[in-house]
Amino acid sequence: MYFSHYAFSDFVPYNLVFMKKRDGWYTADRSPGHPSVYKHIQLFWSDASRTWLPLDYPSAKDSSEKAVAEAVAGYVGFYTNDLPTYNYEYDHCVYHGYPNWDMDIIKDFGDRPALDAAGLESLARAYGHYAGSFFYDVDSRHGGTDPKDLYGESPKDNFIGYEKMALDSYNKLRQQYPTYPTLWGNIAIKCGNEYLYAYSTLLVNGFEDEAKKFLAPEIYPDSFVQASRLYFDGLEPNSLLITTKDNDTYPLWYLHASPALSPRPDHRELCLAGIRRIPGLPGQTISWPVPDQ
């Protein structure tokens, strides 16, 4: 709707953001170099009136199907290299795309005694995203509101506390709706990936003992673990195995690290330079292990 009616070519594409809020959809401009500053915030779709509202942007010069498709592709290509995940986050979160969207979901849905499948996933994603704000510069910190320290002043303790709430919601979803599909496979796979997200985040932040507590037995379906073993079984000595995204990387990491699994694969080193949240850590050094022979 936006790209068929309004032009954004005079703006840096990244500045245009869409906000899915309690009362509808908003557009806003994010200031260059200041991701916490949002200007020109306007209600675009009103849930109350079920109507599109006019915006203060230049009109589109060409509203043909081809021009709209090119405008969307230009915007998306600048904003993200992972369109499926970008769309999924908006589709599967009640609110999204603005500072503290996660805490708004937690406030509105965290105390409800019963939620449907979509509500449970939305709440789980909010808890997990909010947990990350205690270690990383995510949107929860951009609104000028520090995360609640429900678990004391320690970022580690707060991360663990909110991640446990995320996992509680994911496990409820897994138990009540075992075939629920997600972008990464069914809910059992996504649930396992969340355990490994918690493990890896604590590990790279220096909390190895706490991280290991998230390597519980049977966090992945057995068939998924066995399929992952085939990756290792096919390796020649001194092979370099390159993985991409959660479903490749996390199960292999789980096989390598979990004391509950036997036999563990005979591979010696992990290089994590490709994980986005690791190179960005202050003072973090990336090593590239090389076999002796």
C-alpha atoms as a PDB file:
ATOM      1  CA  MET A   1       0.000   0.000   0.000  1.00  0.00           C
ATOM      2  CA  TYR A   2       2.741   2.492   0.924  1.00  0.00           C
ATOM      3  CA  PHE A   3       4.855   2.005  -2.197  1.00  0.00           C
ATOM      4  CA  SER A   4       1.906   2.316  -4.574  1.00  0.00           C
ATOM      5  CA  HIS A   5       0.932   5.707  -3.141  1.00  0.00           C
ATOM      6  CA  TYR A   6       4.082   7.353  -1.776  1.00  0.00           C
ATOM      7  CA  ALA A   7       7.630   7.954  -2.952  1.00  0.00           C
ATOM      8  CA  PHE A   8      10.657   7.355  -0.824  1.00  0.00           C
ATOM      9  CA  SER A   9      13.381   7.891  -3.436  1.00  0.00           C
ATOM     10  CA  ASP A  10      14.271  11.245  -1.869  1.00  0.00           C
ATOM     11  CA  PHE A  11      15.007   9.492   1.417  1.00  0.00           C
ATOM     12  CA  VAL A  12      17.711   7.037   2.393  1.00  0.00           C
ATOM     13  CA  PRO A  13      15.682   3.793   2.330  1.00  0.00           C
ATOM     14  CA  TYR A  14      16.929   2.639   5.716  1.00  0.00           C
ATOM     15  CA  ASN A  15      15.390   5.737   7.278  1.00  0.00           C
ATOM     16  CA  LEU A  16      11.862   4.620   6.415  1.00  0.00           C
ATOM     17  CA  VAL A  17      10.583   2.169   9.018  1.00  0.00           C
ATOM     18  CA  PHE A  18       7.246   0.487   9.600  1.00  0.00           C
ATOM     19  CA  MET A  19       5.921   0.068  13.137  1.00  0.00           C
ATOM     20  CA  LYS A  20       3.270  -2.496  14.071  1.00  0.00           C
ATOM     21  CA  LYS A  21       1.758  -1.085  17.272  1.00  0.00           C
ATOM     22  CA  ARG A  22      -1.280  -1.564  19.509  1.00  0.00           C
ATOM     23  CA  ASP A  23      -3.547   0.750  17.529  1.00  0.00           C
ATOM     24  CA  GLY A  24      -2.312   0.034  14.020  1.00  0.00           C
ATOM     25  CA  TRP A  25       0.602   0.460  11.620  1.00  0.00           C
ATOM     26  CA  TYR A  26       2.821   3.540  11.625  1.00  0.00           C
ATOM     27  CA  THR A  27       5.528   4.896   9.372  1.00  0.00           C
ATOM     28  CA  ALA A  28       8.510   6.818  10.684  1.00  0.00           C
ATOM     29  CA  ASP A  29      11.897   8.170   9.661  1.00  0.00           C
ATOM     30  CA  ARG A  30      14.914   6.896  11.548  1.00  0.00           C
ATOM     31  CA  SER A  31      17.658   9.502  11.792  1.00  0.00           C
ATOM     32  CA  PRO A  32      20.927   8.612  10.028  1.00  0.00           C
ATOM     33  CA  GLY A  33      23.589   7.638  12.527  1.00  0.00           C
ATOM     34  CA  HIS A  34      21.118   7.801  15.418  1.00  0.00           C
ATOM     35  CA  PRO A  35      19.091   4.576  15.458  1.00  0.00           C
ATOM     36  CA  SER A  36      17.354   5.587  18.686  1.00  0.00           C
ATOM     37  CA  VAL A  37      15.841   8.722  17.137  1.00  0.00           C
ATOM     38  CA  TYR A  38      12.558   8.374  15.241  1.00  0.00           C
ATOM     39  CA  LYS A  39      10.886  11.343  13.580  1.00  0.00           C
ATOM     40  CA  HIS A  40       7.843  11.995  11.419  1.00  0.00           C
ATOM     41  CA  ILE A  41       5.852   9.200  13.093  1.00  0.00           C
ATOM     42  CA  GLN A  42       2.435   8.858  11.442  1.00  0.00           C
ATOM     43  CA  LEU A  43      -0.455   6.438  11.819  1.00  0.00           C
ATOM     44  CA  PHE A  44      -0.915   4.726   8.451  1.00  0.00           C
ATOM     45  CA  TRP A  45      -3.406   1.947   9.193  1.00  0.00           C
ATOM     46  CA  SER A  46      -5.929   2.423  12.001  1.00  0.00           C
ATOM     47  CA  ASP A  47      -7.189  -0.747  13.652  1.00  0.00           C
ATOM     48  CA  ALA A  48     -10.028   1.226  15.230  1.00  0.00           C
ATOM     49  CA  SER A  49     -11.474   2.554  11.973  1.00  0.00           C
ATOM     50  CA  ARG A  50     -10.087  -0.238   9.750  1.00  0.00           C
ATOM     51  CA  THR A  51      -8.912   2.356   7.239  1.00  0.00           C
ATOM     52  CA  TRP A  52      -5.725   3.641   5.621  1.00  0.00           C
ATOM     53  CA  LEU A  53      -4.887   7.202   6.610  1.00  0.00           C
ATOM     54  CA  PRO A  54      -3.111   9.806   4.439  1.00  0.00           C
ATOM     55  CA  LEU A  55       0.588  10.369   5.044  1.00  0.00           C
ATOM     56  CA  ASP A  56       2.775  13.416   4.729  1.00  0.00           C
ATOM     57  CA  TYR A  57       5.104  11.993   2.060  1.00  0.00           C
ATOM     58  CA  PRO A  58       5.549  12.867  -1.623  1.00  0.00           C
ATOM     59  CA  SER A  59       3.164  11.020  -3.907  1.00  0.00           C
ATOM     60  CA  ALA A  60       4.491   8.175  -5.994  1.00  0.00           C
ATOM     61  CA  LYS A  61       5.302   9.310  -9.539  1.00  0.00           C
ATOM     62  CA  ASP A  62       4.604   5.878 -10.985  1.00  0.00           C
ATOM     63  CA  SER A  63       2.130   3.483  -9.402  1.00  0.00           C
ATOM     64  CA  SER A  64       2.374   0.780 -12.036  1.00  0.00           C
ATOM     65  CA  GLU A  65       2.871  -2.788 -10.870  1.00  0.00           C
ATOM     66  CA  LYS A  66       6.439  -2.812 -12.195  1.00  0.00           C
ATOM     67  CA  ALA A  67       7.352   0.462 -10.477  1.00  0.00           C
ATOM     68  CA  VAL A  68       5.874  -0.668  -7.173  1.00  0.00           C
ATOM     69  CA  ALA A  69       7.756  -3.968  -7.358  1.00  0.00           C
ATOM     70  CA  GLU A  70      11.015  -2.115  -8.042  1.00  0.00           C
ATOM     71  CA  ALA A  71      10.382   0.273  -5.142  1.00  0.00           C
ATOM     72  CA  VAL A  72       9.701  -2.607  -2.744  1.00  0.00           C
ATOM     73  CA  ALA A  73      12.794  -4.474  -3.950  1.00  0.00           C
ATOM     74  CA  GLY A  74      14.930  -1.362  -3.490  1.00  0.00           C
ATOM     75  CA  TYR A  75      13.676  -0.789   0.020  1.00  0.00           C
ATOM     76  CA  VAL A  76      13.976  -4.405   1.086  1.00  0.00           C
ATOM     77  CA  GLY A  77      17.379  -4.831  -0.538  1.00  0.00           C
ATOM     78  CA  PHE A  78      18.756  -1.927   1.454  1.00  0.00           C
ATOM     79  CA  TYR A  79      17.100  -2.844   4.738  1.00  0.00           C
ATOM     80  CA  THR A  80      17.691  -6.587   4.952  1.00  0.00           C
ATOM     81  CA  ASN A  81      19.409  -9.466   3.189  1.00  0.00           C
ATOM     82  CA  ASP A  82      16.967 -11.902   4.769  1.00  0.00           C
ATOM     83  CA  LEU A  83      13.484 -11.045   3.571  1.00  0.00           C
ATOM     84  CA  PRO A  84      11.803 -14.240   4.885  1.00  0.00           C
ATOM     85  CA  THR A  85      12.971 -13.508   8.439  1.00  0.00           C
ATOM     86  CA  TYR A  86      12.116  -9.813   8.106  1.00  0.00           C
ATOM     87  CA  ASN A  87       8.546 -10.665   7.037  1.00  0.00           C
ATOM     88  CA  TYR A  88       8.214 -13.444   9.612  1.00  0.00           C
ATOM     89  CA  GLU A  89       9.023 -11.124  12.497  1.00  0.00           C
ATOM     90  CA  TYR A  90       6.199  -8.774  11.522  1.00  0.00           C
ATOM     91  CA  ASP A  91       3.742 -11.594  10.773  1.00  0.00           C
ATOM     92  CA  HIS A  92       4.395 -13.550  13.976  1.00  0.00           C
ATOM     93  CA  CYS A  93       4.736 -10.787  16.555  1.00  0.00           C
ATOM     94  CA  VAL A  94       1.689  -8.905  17.808  1.00  0.00           C
ATOM     95  CA  TYR A  95       3.777  -5.723  17.805  1.00  0.00           C
ATOM     96  CA  HIS A  96       7.070  -5.149  16.026  1.00  0.00           C
ATOM     97  CA  GLY A  97       9.469  -2.654  14.480  1.00  0.00           C
ATOM     98  CA  TYR A  98       9.819   0.024  17.154  1.00  0.00           C
ATOM     99  CA  PRO A  99      11.717   0.480  20.434  1.00  0.00           C
ATOM    100  CA  ASN A 100      10.335  -1.652  23.254  1.00  0.00           C
ATOM    101  CA  TRP A 101       7.903  -3.630  21.085  1.00  0.00           C
ATOM    102  CA  ASP A 102       9.020  -6.685  23.033  1.00  0.00           C
ATOM    103  CA  MET A 103       8.159  -5.187  26.424  1.00  0.00           C
ATOM    104  CA  ASP A 104       4.758  -4.058  25.118  1.00  0.00           C
ATOM    105  CA  ILE A 105       3.987  -7.678  24.214  1.00  0.00           C
ATOM    106  CA  ILE A 106       5.221  -8.875  27.607  1.00  0.00           C
ATOM    107  CA  LYS A 107       3.068  -6.297  29.417  1.00  0.00           C
ATOM    108  CA  ASP A 108      -0.058  -7.081  27.375  1.00  0.00           C
ATOM    109  CA  PHE A 109       0.214 -10.880  27.148  1.00  0.00           C
ATOM    110  CA  GLY A 110       2.693 -12.098  29.769  1.00  0.00           C
ATOM    111  CA  ASP A 111       0.077 -12.498  32.538  1.00  0.00           C
ATOM    112  CA  ARG A 112      -2.689 -14.028  30.461  1.00  0.00           C
ATOM    113  CA  PRO A 113      -3.599 -17.501  31.749  1.00  0.00           C
ATOM    114  CA  ALA A 114      -4.168 -18.953  28.278  1.00  0.00           C
ATOM    115  CA  LEU A 115      -2.903 -18.031  24.842  1.00  0.00           C
ATOM    116  CA  ASP A 116      -3.433 -19.573  21.428  1.00  0.00           C
ATOM    117  CA  ALA A 117      -0.521 -20.788  19.310  1.00  0.00           C
ATOM    118  CA  ALA A 118       0.132 -17.401  17.703  1.00  0.00           C
ATOM    119  CA  GLY A 119       0.017 -15.684  21.086  1.00  0.00           C
ATOM    120  CA  LEU A 120       2.488 -18.118  22.626  1.00  0.00           C
ATOM    121  CA  GLU A 121       4.955 -17.696  19.780  1.00  0.00           C
ATOM    122  CA  SER A 122       4.643 -13.911  19.883  1.00  0.00           C
ATOM    123  CA  LEU A 123       5.274 -13.885  23.633  1.00  0.00           C
ATOM    124  CA  ALA A 124       8.217 -16.279  23.318  1.00  0.00           C
ATOM    125  CA  ARG A 125       9.816 -14.127  20.641  1.00  0.00           C
ATOM    126  CA  ALA A 126       9.326 -11.016  22.801  1.00  0.00           C
ATOM    127  CA  TYR A 127      10.968 -12.620  25.832  1.00  0.00           C
ATOM    128  CA  GLY A 128      13.891 -13.861  23.738  1.00  0.00           C
ATOM    129  CA  HIS A 129      14.439 -10.515  22.033  1.00  0.00           C
ATOM    130  CA  TYR A 130      14.224  -8.674  25.344  1.00  0.00           C
ATOM    131  CA  ALA A 131      16.708 -11.079  26.928  1.00  0.00           C
ATOM    132  CA  GLY A 132      19.223 -10.170  24.247  1.00  0.00           C
ATOM    133  CA  SER A 133      19.014  -6.497  25.182  1.00  0.00           C
ATOM    134  CA  PHE A 134      21.029  -7.192  28.322  1.00  0.00           C
ATOM    135  CA  PHE A 135      24.062  -8.089  26.201  1.00  0.00           C
ATOM    136  CA  TYR A 136      23.498  -6.492  22.811  1.00  0.00           C
ATOM    137  CA  ASP A 137      22.420  -3.191  21.321  1.00  0.00           C
ATOM    138  CA  VAL A 138      18.935  -4.155  20.192  1.00  0.00           C
ATOM    139  CA  ASP A 139      15.871  -1.945  19.861  1.00  0.00           C
ATOM    140  CA  SER A 140      14.899  -2.452  23.499  1.00  0.00           C
ATOM    141  CA  ARG A 141      17.741  -0.107  24.412  1.00  0.00           C
ATOM    142  CA  HIS A 142      16.943   2.436  21.694  1.00  0.00           C
ATOM    143  CA  GLY A 143      13.887   3.911  23.322  1.00  0.00           C
ATOM    144  CA  GLY A 144      15.776   5.313  26.264  1.00  0.00           C
ATOM    145  CA  THR A 145      14.226   2.787  28.643  1.00  0.00           C
ATOM    146  CA  ASP A 146      16.625   0.402  30.329  1.00  0.00           C
ATOM    147  CA  PRO A 147      15.402  -3.180  30.575  1.00  0.00           C
ATOM    148  CA  LYS A 148      13.751  -4.098  33.846  1.00  0.00           C
ATOM    149  CA  ASP A 149      16.189  -5.676  36.263  1.00  0.00           C
ATOM    150  CA  LEU A 150      13.753  -8.286  37.566  1.00  0.00           C
ATOM    151  CA  TYR A 151      16.684 -10.558  38.308  1.00  0.00           C
ATOM    152  CA  GLY A 152      19.029  -8.096  39.964  1.00  0.00           C
ATOM    153  CA  GLU A 153      21.599  -5.819  38.375  1.00  0.00           C
ATOM    154  CA  SER A 154      23.519  -8.534  36.536  1.00  0.00           C
ATOM    155  CA  PRO A 155      23.036  -8.633  32.738  1.00  0.00           C
ATOM    156  CA  LYS A 156      23.783 -12.346  32.937  1.00  0.00           C
ATOM    157  CA  ASP A 157      21.041 -13.032  35.478  1.00  0.00           C
ATOM    158  CA  ASN A 158      18.507 -10.936  33.586  1.00  0.00           C
ATOM    159  CA  PHE A 159      19.383 -12.639  30.303  1.00  0.00           C
ATOM    160  CA  ILE A 160      18.965 -16.067  31.895  1.00  0.00           C
ATOM    161  CA  GLY A 161      15.686 -15.086  33.562  1.00  0.00           C
ATOM    162  CA  TYR A 162      14.056 -13.758  30.416  1.00  0.00           C
ATOM    163  CA  GLU A 163      15.430 -16.596  28.280  1.00  0.00           C
ATOM    164  CA  LYS A 164      13.837 -19.085  30.670  1.00  0.00           C
ATOM    165  CA  MET A 165      10.523 -17.293  30.158  1.00  0.00           C
ATOM    166  CA  ALA A 166      11.025 -17.474  26.396  1.00  0.00           C
ATOM    167  CA  LEU A 167      11.732 -21.193  26.633  1.00  0.00           C
ATOM    168  CA  ASP A 168       8.722 -21.697  28.894  1.00  0.00           C
ATOM    169  CA  SER A 169       6.481 -20.160  26.217  1.00  0.00           C
ATOM    170  CA  TYR A 170       8.147 -22.142  23.423  1.00  0.00           C
ATOM    171  CA  ASN A 171       7.795 -25.388  25.401  1.00  0.00           C
ATOM    172  CA  LYS A 172       4.108 -24.676  26.061  1.00  0.00           C
ATOM    173  CA  LEU A 173       3.672 -24.114  22.351  1.00  0.00           C
ATOM    174  CA  ARG A 174       5.547 -27.346  21.597  1.00  0.00           C
ATOM    175  CA  GLN A 175       3.399 -29.340  24.025  1.00  0.00           C
ATOM    176  CA  GLN A 176       0.041 -27.876  23.016  1.00  0.00           C
ATOM    177  CA  TYR A 177       0.655 -27.561  19.268  1.00  0.00           C
ATOM    178  CA  PRO A 178       3.405 -30.103  18.398  1.00  0.00           C
ATOM    179  CA  THR A 179       3.059 -29.630  14.620  1.00  0.00           C
ATOM    180  CA  TYR A 180       3.031 -25.820  14.728  1.00  0.00           C
ATOM    181  CA  PRO A 181       5.123 -24.620  11.748  1.00  0.00           C
ATOM    182  CA  THR A 182       7.766 -21.907  11.971  1.00  0.00           C
ATOM    183  CA  LEU A 183      10.174 -20.459   9.447  1.00  0.00           C
ATOM    184  CA  TRP A 184      12.875 -22.822  10.771  1.00  0.00           C
ATOM    185  CA  GLY A 185      10.799 -26.025  10.761  1.00  0.00           C
ATOM    186  CA  ASN A 186       8.232 -27.236  13.255  1.00  0.00           C
ATOM    187  CA  ILE A 187       8.123 -25.866  16.764  1.00  0.00           C
ATOM    188  CA  ALA A 188      10.324 -28.662  18.139  1.00  0.00           C
ATOM    189  CA  ILE A 189      13.231 -27.460  15.980  1.00  0.00           C
ATOM    190  CA  LYS A 190      12.670 -23.812  16.832  1.00  0.00           C
ATOM    191  CA  CYS A 191      12.513 -24.699  20.529  1.00  0.00           C
ATOM    192  CA  GLY A 192      15.863 -26.501  20.278  1.00  0.00           C
ATOM    193  CA  ASN A 193      17.368 -23.524  18.473  1.00  0.00           C
ATOM    194  CA  GLU A 194      16.300 -21.231  21.310  1.00  0.00           C
ATOM    195  CA  TYR A 195      18.174 -23.397  23.840  1.00  0.00           C
ATOM    196  CA  LEU A 196      21.283 -23.085  21.667  1.00  0.00           C
ATOM    197  CA  TYR A 197      20.792 -19.338  21.326  1.00  0.00           C
ATOM    198  CA  ALA A 198      20.824 -19.081  25.123  1.00  0.00           C
ATOM    199  CA  TYR A 199      23.837 -21.399  25.354  1.00  0.00           C
ATOM    200  CA  SER A 200      25.859 -19.588  22.692  1.00  0.00           C
ATOM    201  CA  THR A 201      25.065 -16.112  24.004  1.00  0.00           C
ATOM    202  CA  LEU A 202      26.204 -16.966  27.516  1.00  0.00           C
ATOM    203  CA  LEU A 203      29.252 -18.801  26.207  1.00  0.00           C
ATOM    204  CA  VAL A 204      30.592 -15.944  24.083  1.00  0.00           C
ATOM    205  CA  ASN A 205      29.993 -13.510  26.929  1.00  0.00           C
ATOM    206  CA  GLY A 206      32.208 -15.547  29.231  1.00  0.00           C
ATOM    207  CA  PHE A 207      29.650 -17.540  31.262  1.00  0.00           C
ATOM    208  CA  GLU A 208      30.517 -21.090  30.280  1.00  0.00           C
ATOM    209  CA  ASP A 209      29.148 -22.805  33.399  1.00  0.00           C
ATOM    210  CA  GLU A 210      25.769 -21.072  33.078  1.00  0.00           C
ATOM    211  CA  ALA A 211      25.729 -21.744  29.335  1.00  0.00           C
ATOM    212  CA  LYS A 212      26.117 -25.503  29.808  1.00  0.00           C
ATOM    213  CA  LYS A 213      22.881 -25.633  31.817  1.00  0.00           C
ATOM    214  CA  PHE A 214      20.982 -24.977  28.588  1.00  0.00           C
ATOM    215  CA  LEU A 215      22.429 -28.096  26.931  1.00  0.00           C
ATOM    216  CA  ALA A 216      19.657 -30.325  28.270  1.00  0.00           C
ATOM    217  CA  PRO A 217      19.034 -33.803  26.806  1.00  0.00           C
ATOM    218  CA  GLU A 218      16.460 -34.156  24.053  1.00  0.00           C
ATOM    219  CA  ILE A 219      16.086 -30.481  23.242  1.00  0.00           C
ATOM    220  CA  TYR A 220      15.984 -31.459  19.545  1.00  0.00           C
ATOM    221  CA  PRO A 221      13.947 -34.242  17.911  1.00  0.00           C
ATOM    222  CA  ASP A 222      16.054 -37.392  17.658  1.00  0.00           C
ATOM    223  CA  SER A 223      15.675 -37.495  13.880  1.00  0.00           C
ATOM    224  CA  PHE A 224      17.131 -33.996  13.645  1.00  0.00           C
ATOM    225  CA  VAL A 225      20.127 -34.951  15.796  1.00  0.00           C
ATOM    226  CA  GLN A 226      20.766 -38.091  13.758  1.00  0.00           C
ATOM    227  CA  ALA A 227      20.609 -36.127  10.513  1.00  0.00           C
ATOM    228  CA  SER A 228      23.147 -33.696  11.938  1.00  0.00           C
ATOM    229  CA  ARG A 229      25.487 -36.569  12.806  1.00  0.00           C
ATOM    230  CA  LEU A 230      25.667 -37.362   9.109  1.00  0.00           C
ATOM    231  CA  TYR A 231      27.413 -34.032   8.578  1.00  0.00           C
ATOM    232  CA  PHE A 232      30.267 -35.169  10.803  1.00  0.00           C
ATOM    233  CA  ASP A 233      30.280 -38.739   9.532  1.00  0.00           C
ATOM    234  CA  GLY A 234      31.027 -37.527   6.017  1.00  0.00           C
ATOM    235  CA  LEU A 235      34.052 -35.407   6.955  1.00  0.00           C
ATOM    236  CA  GLU A 236      37.576 -36.346   5.966  1.00  0.00           C
ATOM    237  CA  PRO A 237      40.434 -35.647   8.415  1.00  0.00           C
ATOM    238  CA  ASN A 238      41.254 -31.934   8.702  1.00  0.00           C
ATOM    239  CA  SER A 239      38.077 -30.969   6.895  1.00  0.00           C
ATOM    240  CA  LEU A 240      36.613 -27.491   7.136  1.00  0.00           C
ATOM    241  CA  LEU A 241      32.848 -27.575   7.649  1.00  0.00           C
ATOM    242  CA  ILE A 242      31.054 -24.324   6.842  1.00  0.00           C
ATOM    243  CA  THR A 243      27.495 -23.927   8.059  1.00  0.00           C
ATOM    244  CA  THR A 244      24.887 -21.265   7.579  1.00  0.00           C
ATOM    245  CA  LYS A 245      22.020 -20.137   9.802  1.00  0.00           C
ATOM    246  CA  ASP A 246      20.490 -21.812  12.822  1.00  0.00           C
ATOM    247  CA  ASN A 247      19.348 -25.165  11.482  1.00  0.00           C
ATOM    248  CA  ASP A 248      22.800 -26.029  10.171  1.00  0.00           C
ATOM    249  CA  THR A 249      24.905 -24.547  12.938  1.00  0.00           C
ATOM    250  CA  TYR A 250      23.056 -25.093  16.212  1.00  0.00           C
ATOM    251  CA  PRO A 251      22.489 -28.880  16.034  1.00  0.00           C
ATOM    252  CA  LEU A 252      26.163 -29.425  15.159  1.00  0.00           C
ATOM    253  CA  TRP A 253      27.196 -27.207  18.028  1.00  0.00           C
ATOM    254  CA  TYR A 254      24.854 -29.172  20.287  1.00  0.00           C
ATOM    255  CA  LEU A 255      26.420 -32.460  19.188  1.00  0.00           C
ATOM    256  CA  HIS A 256      29.879 -31.073  19.829  1.00  0.00           C
ATOM    257  CA  ALA A 257      29.174 -29.490  23.210  1.00  0.00           C
ATOM    258  CA  SER A 258      26.483 -31.498  24.976  1.00  0.00           C
ATOM    259  CA  PRO A 259      27.737 -33.943  27.611  1.00  0.00           C
ATOM    260  CA  ALA A 260      24.396 -35.759  27.333  1.00  0.00           C
ATOM    261  CA  LEU A 261      25.109 -37.052  23.828  1.00  0.00           C
ATOM    262  CA  SER A 262      27.260 -40.068  23.114  1.00  0.00           C
ATOM    263  CA  PRO A 263      29.283 -40.717  21.082  1.00  0.00           C
ATOM    264  CA  ARG A 264      30.324 -37.131  20.564  1.00  0.00           C
ATOM    265  CA  PRO A 265      31.834 -36.285  17.170  1.00  0.00           C
ATOM    266  CA  ASP A 266      35.608 -36.134  16.982  1.00  0.00           C
ATOM    267  CA  HIS A 267      36.087 -32.544  15.903  1.00  0.00           C
ATOM    268  CA  ARG A 268      38.333 -30.172  17.675  1.00  0.00           C
ATOM    269  CA  GLU A 269      37.651 -26.519  16.946  1.00  0.00           C
ATOM    270  CA  LEU A 270      34.780 -24.151  16.372  1.00  0.00           C
ATOM    271  CA  CYS A 271      35.244 -20.853  14.568  1.00  0.00           C
ATOM    272  CA  LEU A 272      32.353 -18.486  15.219  1.00  0.00           C
ATOM    273  CA  ALA A 273      33.402 -15.481  13.171  1.00  0.00           C
ATOM    274  CA  GLY A 274      30.297 -15.647  11.017  1.00  0.00           C
ATOM    275  CA  ILE A 275      27.862 -15.249  13.908  1.00  0.00           C
ATOM    276  CA  ARG A 276      26.731 -11.648  13.750  1.00  0.00           C
ATOM    277  CA  ARG A 277      26.537 -11.004  17.480  1.00  0.00           C
ATOM    278  CA  ILE A 278      30.086 -12.272  18.193  1.00  0.00           C
ATOM    279  CA  PRO A 279      32.401  -9.991  16.165  1.00  0.00           C
ATOM    280  CA  GLY A 280      30.454  -6.984  17.449  1.00  0.00           C
ATOM    281  CA  LEU A 281      31.342  -7.601  21.070  1.00  0.00           C
ATOM    282  CA  PRO A 282      33.706  -4.979  22.513  1.00  0.00           C
ATOM    283  CA  GLY A 283      37.221  -6.371  22.698  1.00  0.00           C
ATOM    284  CA  GLN A 284      36.214  -9.675  21.109  1.00  0.00           C
ATOM    285  CA  THR A 285      39.035 -11.405  19.248  1.00  0.00           C
ATOM    286  CA  ILE A 286      38.235 -13.863  16.489  1.00  0.00           C
ATOM    287  CA  SER A 287      40.654 -16.768  16.044  1.00  0.00           C
ATOM    288  CA  TRP A 288      40.887 -19.022  13.012  1.00  0.00           C
ATOM    289  CA  PRO A 289      42.125 -22.412  14.250  1.00  0.00           C
ATOM    290  CA  VAL A 290      44.429 -24.282  11.878  1.00  0.00           C
ATOM    291  CA  PRO A 291      45.251 -28.001  12.298  1.00  0.00           C
ATOM    292  CA  ASP A 292      48.843 -28.885  13.134  1.00  0.00           C
ATOM    293  CA  GLN A 293      49.054 -31.069  10.040  1.00  0.00           C
END
